[in-house]
Amino acid sequence: MAITFNKSRNDDDALMAEINTTPLVDVMLVLLIIFLITIPAVTTSIQVKLPKEMNQIRETQTENVIISVNEAGNAYWFDSKLNSFQDLKGKLVALNRPMADLEVHIRGDANANYETIGQVVYALQEAGVARIGFITKPPAKN
């Protein structure tokens, strides 16, 4: 079944092929007003001179623990391979130091799986280590 329309010369019976843009214009004006009201709230009006700080290169101290994660996802306590994350917790307890004072540096390979590094960080947090840092290589100067 198809709908057929009789073609007539009377303009009152002709189909209206125009799109009613009035609702579109109304919505756009409302959005414009909302944006005009919210933009000043997003930007701060108080001028503050923020400090400028360069990254400071810190030398590794002998009491810092270095954990390395290679590309294959193996974790190492200094130079000895960790078999599990429970082994990591055991080595931290064997240090006989307060975990709040202990600083652990993680050397992660650029191509290493982030899951392994995340598991190392999680194991350190579970052990109570508060100071965790990542050893990176500074970008080349051009």
C-alpha atoms as a PDB file:
ATOM      1  CA  MET A   1       0.000   0.000   0.000  1.00  0.00           C
ATOM      2  CA  ALA A   2       1.317   3.318  -0.946  1.00  0.00           C
ATOM      3  CA  ILE A   3       0.073   6.745  -0.118  1.00  0.00           C
ATOM      4  CA  THR A   4      -0.772   8.842  -3.098  1.00  0.00           C
ATOM      5  CA  PHE A   5      -1.359  12.501  -3.098  1.00  0.00           C
ATOM      6  CA  ASN A   6      -3.464  14.229  -5.640  1.00  0.00           C
ATOM      7  CA  LYS A   7      -1.681  16.983  -7.397  1.00  0.00           C
ATOM      8  CA  SER A   8      -3.757  20.073  -7.406  1.00  0.00           C
ATOM      9  CA  ARG A   9      -3.086  23.648  -8.173  1.00  0.00           C
ATOM     10  CA  ASN A  10      -4.526  24.810  -4.901  1.00  0.00           C
ATOM     11  CA  ASP A  11      -1.685  25.994  -2.591  1.00  0.00           C
ATOM     12  CA  ASP A  12      -3.593  25.085   0.582  1.00  0.00           C
ATOM     13  CA  ASP A  13      -3.532  21.381  -0.264  1.00  0.00           C
ATOM     14  CA  ALA A  14       0.190  21.207  -1.256  1.00  0.00           C
ATOM     15  CA  LEU A  15       2.665  19.397   0.962  1.00  0.00           C
ATOM     16  CA  MET A  16       4.940  21.473   3.132  1.00  0.00           C
ATOM     17  CA  ALA A  17       8.529  20.374   2.454  1.00  0.00           C
ATOM     18  CA  GLU A  18      10.242  22.811   4.845  1.00  0.00           C
ATOM     19  CA  ILE A  19      11.790  21.905   8.177  1.00  0.00           C
ATOM     20  CA  ASN A  20      10.534  23.782  11.184  1.00  0.00           C
ATOM     21  CA  THR A  21      13.709  25.275  12.675  1.00  0.00           C
ATOM     22  CA  THR A  22      12.054  27.110  15.561  1.00  0.00           C
ATOM     23  CA  PRO A  23      12.668  24.321  18.151  1.00  0.00           C
ATOM     24  CA  LEU A  24      16.278  24.034  16.988  1.00  0.00           C
ATOM     25  CA  VAL A  25      16.842  27.755  17.420  1.00  0.00           C
ATOM     26  CA  ASP A  26      15.204  27.651  20.859  1.00  0.00           C
ATOM     27  CA  VAL A  27      17.476  24.841  22.028  1.00  0.00           C
ATOM     28  CA  MET A  28      20.568  26.583  20.672  1.00  0.00           C
ATOM     29  CA  LEU A  29      19.677  29.833  22.440  1.00  0.00           C
ATOM     30  CA  VAL A  30      19.163  28.012  25.736  1.00  0.00           C
ATOM     31  CA  LEU A  31      22.558  26.287  25.335  1.00  0.00           C
ATOM     32  CA  LEU A  32      24.196  29.604  24.525  1.00  0.00           C
ATOM     33  CA  ILE A  33      22.785  31.164  27.685  1.00  0.00           C
ATOM     34  CA  ILE A  34      23.925  28.182  29.779  1.00  0.00           C
ATOM     35  CA  PHE A  35      27.444  28.420  28.362  1.00  0.00           C
ATOM     36  CA  LEU A  36      27.589  32.169  28.945  1.00  0.00           C
ATOM     37  CA  ILE A  37      26.633  31.659  32.583  1.00  0.00           C
ATOM     38  CA  THR A  38      28.977  28.729  33.299  1.00  0.00           C
ATOM     39  CA  ILE A  39      32.161  29.955  31.560  1.00  0.00           C
ATOM     40  CA  PRO A  40      33.014  32.583  34.227  1.00  0.00           C
ATOM     41  CA  ALA A  41      32.547  29.954  36.949  1.00  0.00           C
ATOM     42  CA  VAL A  42      35.048  27.629  35.296  1.00  0.00           C
ATOM     43  CA  THR A  43      37.827  30.178  34.883  1.00  0.00           C
ATOM     44  CA  THR A  44      39.338  31.653  37.993  1.00  0.00           C
ATOM     45  CA  SER A  45      39.209  35.379  38.377  1.00  0.00           C
ATOM     46  CA  ILE A  46      41.951  35.692  41.006  1.00  0.00           C
ATOM     47  CA  GLN A  47      45.333  36.308  39.444  1.00  0.00           C
ATOM     48  CA  VAL A  48      48.022  34.197  41.079  1.00  0.00           C
ATOM     49  CA  LYS A  49      51.652  33.927  40.092  1.00  0.00           C
ATOM     50  CA  LEU A  50      52.339  30.203  40.235  1.00  0.00           C
ATOM     51  CA  PRO A  51      55.832  28.991  41.163  1.00  0.00           C
ATOM     52  CA  LYS A  52      58.037  27.685  38.408  1.00  0.00           C
ATOM     53  CA  GLU A  53      60.055  24.640  39.345  1.00  0.00           C
ATOM     54  CA  MET A  54      62.427  22.472  37.412  1.00  0.00           C
ATOM     55  CA  ASN A  55      62.534  18.751  38.087  1.00  0.00           C
ATOM     56  CA  GLN A  56      65.308  18.059  40.497  1.00  0.00           C
ATOM     57  CA  ILE A  57      67.565  15.140  39.785  1.00  0.00           C
ATOM     58  CA  ARG A  58      67.947  13.116  42.930  1.00  0.00           C
ATOM     59  CA  GLU A  59      70.774  10.706  43.400  1.00  0.00           C
ATOM     60  CA  THR A  60      69.890   7.245  44.580  1.00  0.00           C
ATOM     61  CA  GLN A  61      70.989   6.726  48.148  1.00  0.00           C
ATOM     62  CA  THR A  62      72.294   3.440  49.448  1.00  0.00           C
ATOM     63  CA  GLU A  63      69.323   2.933  51.762  1.00  0.00           C
ATOM     64  CA  ASN A  64      66.807   3.222  48.914  1.00  0.00           C
ATOM     65  CA  VAL A  65      65.383   0.017  47.493  1.00  0.00           C
ATOM     66  CA  ILE A  66      65.432  -0.322  43.714  1.00  0.00           C
ATOM     67  CA  ILE A  67      62.966  -2.640  42.019  1.00  0.00           C
ATOM     68  CA  SER A  68      63.400  -3.181  38.289  1.00  0.00           C
ATOM     69  CA  VAL A  69      60.770  -4.489  35.874  1.00  0.00           C
ATOM     70  CA  ASN A  70      62.061  -5.671  32.509  1.00  0.00           C
ATOM     71  CA  GLU A  71      60.257  -5.926  29.188  1.00  0.00           C
ATOM     72  CA  ALA A  72      59.275  -9.545  29.835  1.00  0.00           C
ATOM     73  CA  GLY A  73      57.458  -8.515  33.033  1.00  0.00           C
ATOM     74  CA  ASN A  74      59.958  -9.959  35.504  1.00  0.00           C
ATOM     75  CA  ALA A  75      60.521  -7.981  38.711  1.00  0.00           C
ATOM     76  CA  TYR A  76      63.957  -7.747  40.339  1.00  0.00           C
ATOM     77  CA  TRP A  77      64.989  -6.692  43.861  1.00  0.00           C
ATOM     78  CA  PHE A  78      68.216  -4.878  43.013  1.00  0.00           C
ATOM     79  CA  ASP A  79      69.816  -7.711  40.957  1.00  0.00           C
ATOM     80  CA  SER A  80      67.950 -10.769  42.263  1.00  0.00           C
ATOM     81  CA  LYS A  81      64.768 -11.936  40.576  1.00  0.00           C
ATOM     82  CA  LEU A  82      61.539 -11.871  42.568  1.00  0.00           C
ATOM     83  CA  ASN A  83      59.524 -15.050  42.184  1.00  0.00           C
ATOM     84  CA  SER A  84      56.283 -13.545  43.476  1.00  0.00           C
ATOM     85  CA  PHE A  85      54.913 -10.398  45.006  1.00  0.00           C
ATOM     86  CA  GLN A  86      54.754 -12.200  48.354  1.00  0.00           C
ATOM     87  CA  ASP A  87      58.529 -12.559  48.011  1.00  0.00           C
ATOM     88  CA  LEU A  88      58.703  -8.767  47.624  1.00  0.00           C
ATOM     89  CA  LYS A  89      56.716  -8.270  50.828  1.00  0.00           C
ATOM     90  CA  GLY A  90      58.988 -10.733  52.634  1.00  0.00           C
ATOM     91  CA  LYS A  91      62.110  -8.857  51.557  1.00  0.00           C
ATOM     92  CA  LEU A  92      60.593  -5.568  52.729  1.00  0.00           C
ATOM     93  CA  VAL A  93      59.829  -7.048  56.157  1.00  0.00           C
ATOM     94  CA  ALA A  94      63.367  -8.491  56.337  1.00  0.00           C
ATOM     95  CA  LEU A  95      64.816  -4.974  56.131  1.00  0.00           C
ATOM     96  CA  ASN A  96      63.648  -4.295  59.725  1.00  0.00           C
ATOM     97  CA  ARG A  97      62.978  -0.648  58.928  1.00  0.00           C
ATOM     98  CA  PRO A  98      59.823   1.392  59.369  1.00  0.00           C
ATOM     99  CA  MET A  99      57.931   1.300  56.087  1.00  0.00           C
ATOM    100  CA  ALA A 100      57.037   4.981  56.379  1.00  0.00           C
ATOM    101  CA  ASP A 101      60.738   5.914  56.174  1.00  0.00           C
ATOM    102  CA  LEU A 102      61.571   3.498  53.375  1.00  0.00           C
ATOM    103  CA  GLU A 103      61.874   4.893  49.866  1.00  0.00           C
ATOM    104  CA  VAL A 104      61.420   2.520  46.932  1.00  0.00           C
ATOM    105  CA  HIS A 105      62.400   3.393  43.379  1.00  0.00           C
ATOM    106  CA  ILE A 106      60.878   1.480  40.487  1.00  0.00           C
ATOM    107  CA  ARG A 107      62.822   1.158  37.235  1.00  0.00           C
ATOM    108  CA  GLY A 108      60.293   0.106  34.613  1.00  0.00           C
ATOM    109  CA  ASP A 109      61.251  -0.734  31.052  1.00  0.00           C
ATOM    110  CA  ALA A 110      59.516   1.507  28.514  1.00  0.00           C
ATOM    111  CA  ASN A 111      58.086  -1.573  26.808  1.00  0.00           C
ATOM    112  CA  ALA A 112      57.118  -3.344  30.025  1.00  0.00           C
ATOM    113  CA  ASN A 113      53.557  -4.387  30.696  1.00  0.00           C
ATOM    114  CA  TYR A 114      51.919  -1.808  32.958  1.00  0.00           C
ATOM    115  CA  GLU A 115      50.089  -4.570  34.810  1.00  0.00           C
ATOM    116  CA  THR A 116      53.342  -5.854  36.323  1.00  0.00           C
ATOM    117  CA  ILE A 117      54.389  -2.376  37.430  1.00  0.00           C
ATOM    118  CA  GLY A 118      50.923  -1.833  38.893  1.00  0.00           C
ATOM    119  CA  GLN A 119      51.199  -5.099  40.832  1.00  0.00           C
ATOM    120  CA  VAL A 120      54.564  -3.998  42.222  1.00  0.00           C
ATOM    121  CA  VAL A 121      53.089  -0.666  43.334  1.00  0.00           C
ATOM    122  CA  TYR A 122      50.099  -2.453  44.866  1.00  0.00           C
ATOM    123  CA  ALA A 123      52.358  -4.875  46.761  1.00  0.00           C
ATOM    124  CA  LEU A 124      54.409  -1.947  48.070  1.00  0.00           C
ATOM    125  CA  GLN A 125      51.278  -0.134  49.213  1.00  0.00           C
ATOM    126  CA  GLU A 126      49.986  -3.262  50.950  1.00  0.00           C
ATOM    127  CA  ALA A 127      53.320  -3.544  52.764  1.00  0.00           C
ATOM    128  CA  GLY A 128      52.927   0.034  54.011  1.00  0.00           C
ATOM    129  CA  VAL A 129      55.522   1.788  51.856  1.00  0.00           C
ATOM    130  CA  ALA A 130      54.498   5.414  51.499  1.00  0.00           C
ATOM    131  CA  ARG A 131      57.312   6.799  49.359  1.00  0.00           C
ATOM    132  CA  ILE A 132      57.375   5.236  45.902  1.00  0.00           C
ATOM    133  CA  GLY A 133      59.250   6.848  43.031  1.00  0.00           C
ATOM    134  CA  PHE A 134      59.856   6.020  39.393  1.00  0.00           C
ATOM    135  CA  ILE A 135      63.278   6.252  37.808  1.00  0.00           C
ATOM    136  CA  THR A 136      63.069   7.758  34.333  1.00  0.00           C
ATOM    137  CA  LYS A 137      65.478   8.965  31.728  1.00  0.00           C
ATOM    138  CA  PRO A 138      65.289  12.667  30.900  1.00  0.00           C
ATOM    139  CA  PRO A 139      64.298  13.485  27.318  1.00  0.00           C
ATOM    140  CA  ALA A 140      67.043  14.312  24.858  1.00  0.00           C
ATOM    141  CA  LYS A 141      67.764  17.976  24.428  1.00  0.00           C
ATOM    142  CA  ASN A 142      67.350  19.196  20.860  1.00  0.00           C
END
